[in-house]
Protein backbone atom coordinates (compact mmCIF):
# COMPACT_ATOMS: atom_id res chain seq x y z
CA UNK A 1 11.79 -1.40 -12.21
CA UNK A 2 8.71 -3.18 -11.14
CA UNK A 3 7.91 -5.40 -8.24
CA UNK A 4 4.63 -6.73 -8.85
CA UNK A 5 4.66 -9.03 -5.77
CA UNK A 6 1.37 -7.78 -4.20
CA UNK A 7 -1.35 -5.47 -5.20
CA UNK A 8 -3.56 -3.60 -2.67
CA UNK A 9 -6.90 -2.08 -3.22
CA UNK A 10 -9.07 0.37 -0.83
CA UNK A 11 -12.58 0.61 -1.12
CA UNK A 12 -14.77 2.82 1.00
CA UNK A 13 -17.46 1.46 3.27
CA UNK A 14 -19.98 3.77 4.18
CA UNK A 15 -21.47 1.30 6.57
CA UNK A 16 -18.02 1.14 8.27
CA UNK A 17 -16.83 4.58 7.74
CA UNK A 18 -13.74 3.08 6.80
CA UNK A 19 -11.42 2.09 3.82
CA UNK A 20 -11.59 -1.63 3.45
CA UNK A 21 -8.29 -3.24 2.45
CA UNK A 22 -7.76 -5.88 -0.27
CA UNK A 23 -4.72 -7.70 -1.14
CA UNK A 24 -4.28 -9.41 -4.40
CA UNK A 25 -7.96 -9.49 -5.15
CA UNK A 26 -9.02 -10.89 -1.63
CA UNK A 27 -9.98 -9.04 1.33
CA UNK A 28 -7.15 -8.45 3.70
CA UNK A 29 -7.71 -9.77 7.28
CA UNK A 30 -5.97 -9.70 10.54
CA UNK A 31 -4.62 -12.80 12.18
CA UNK A 32 -8.04 -13.40 14.11
CA UNK A 33 -9.74 -13.06 10.80
CA UNK A 34 -11.09 -9.74 11.06
CA UNK A 35 -11.37 -7.43 7.91
CA UNK A 36 -8.49 -4.99 7.68
CA UNK A 37 -9.91 -1.31 7.52
CA UNK A 38 -8.37 2.32 7.58
CA UNK A 39 -9.83 5.78 8.57
CA UNK A 40 -7.12 7.46 6.36
CA UNK A 41 -5.24 6.09 3.33
CA UNK A 42 -2.07 7.96 2.07
CA UNK A 43 -0.59 6.70 -1.26
CA UNK A 44 3.03 7.62 -2.16
CA UNK A 45 4.35 7.65 -5.51
CA UNK A 46 8.04 6.81 -4.89
CA UNK A 47 11.10 5.93 -6.86
CA UNK A 48 12.31 2.33 -6.36
CA UNK A 49 15.70 1.35 -7.31
CA UNK A 50 18.05 -1.48 -6.96
CA UNK A 51 20.06 -1.31 -3.66
CA UNK A 52 23.47 -2.82 -2.52
CA UNK A 53 21.67 -5.67 -1.07
CA UNK A 54 20.88 -9.38 -2.31
CA UNK A 55 18.63 -11.98 -1.08
CA UNK A 56 19.86 -15.62 -0.50
CA UNK A 57 19.33 -16.37 -4.14
CA UNK A 58 21.23 -13.22 -5.23
CA UNK A 59 18.19 -11.30 -6.16
CA UNK A 60 18.51 -7.52 -5.71
CA UNK A 61 16.67 -6.12 -2.64
CA UNK A 62 14.80 -2.95 -3.79
CA UNK A 63 15.43 0.32 -2.28
CA UNK A 64 12.31 2.64 -1.83
CA UNK A 65 12.93 6.45 -1.78
CA UNK A 66 10.48 7.77 0.83
CA UNK A 67 12.06 10.91 2.36
CA UNK A 68 11.70 14.36 0.38
CA UNK A 69 8.77 15.69 -1.70
CA UNK A 70 6.75 14.25 -4.51
CA UNK A 71 3.34 13.11 -5.53
CA UNK A 72 1.01 11.65 -3.11
CA UNK A 73 -2.92 10.93 -2.77
CA UNK A 74 -4.61 11.24 0.41
CA UNK A 75 -8.01 9.33 0.90
CA UNK A 76 -9.66 10.42 4.10
CA UNK A 77 -13.22 9.86 5.78
CA UNK A 78 -15.60 9.46 2.58
CA UNK A 79 -13.39 9.75 -0.52
CA UNK A 80 -10.18 10.78 -2.00
CA UNK A 81 -8.55 14.41 -1.53
CA UNK A 82 -5.51 15.80 -3.22
């Protein structure tokens, strides 16, 4: 099952000492126009499955299993770690 509605990227900025956030190929910004940035990024590889819920068009709303154990990647100050 795939839900390719959005793609996020994280690019290290030594000048800002932060990971710059991108969404769908463009810089992600806050409501007041500032570039989104994070000191730490954690990526979870999770199972996504159909749920019992539907949207108003009848499309399934996915259920993402985020509790338990599994693969992850942590990117802290200066670069990725495992």
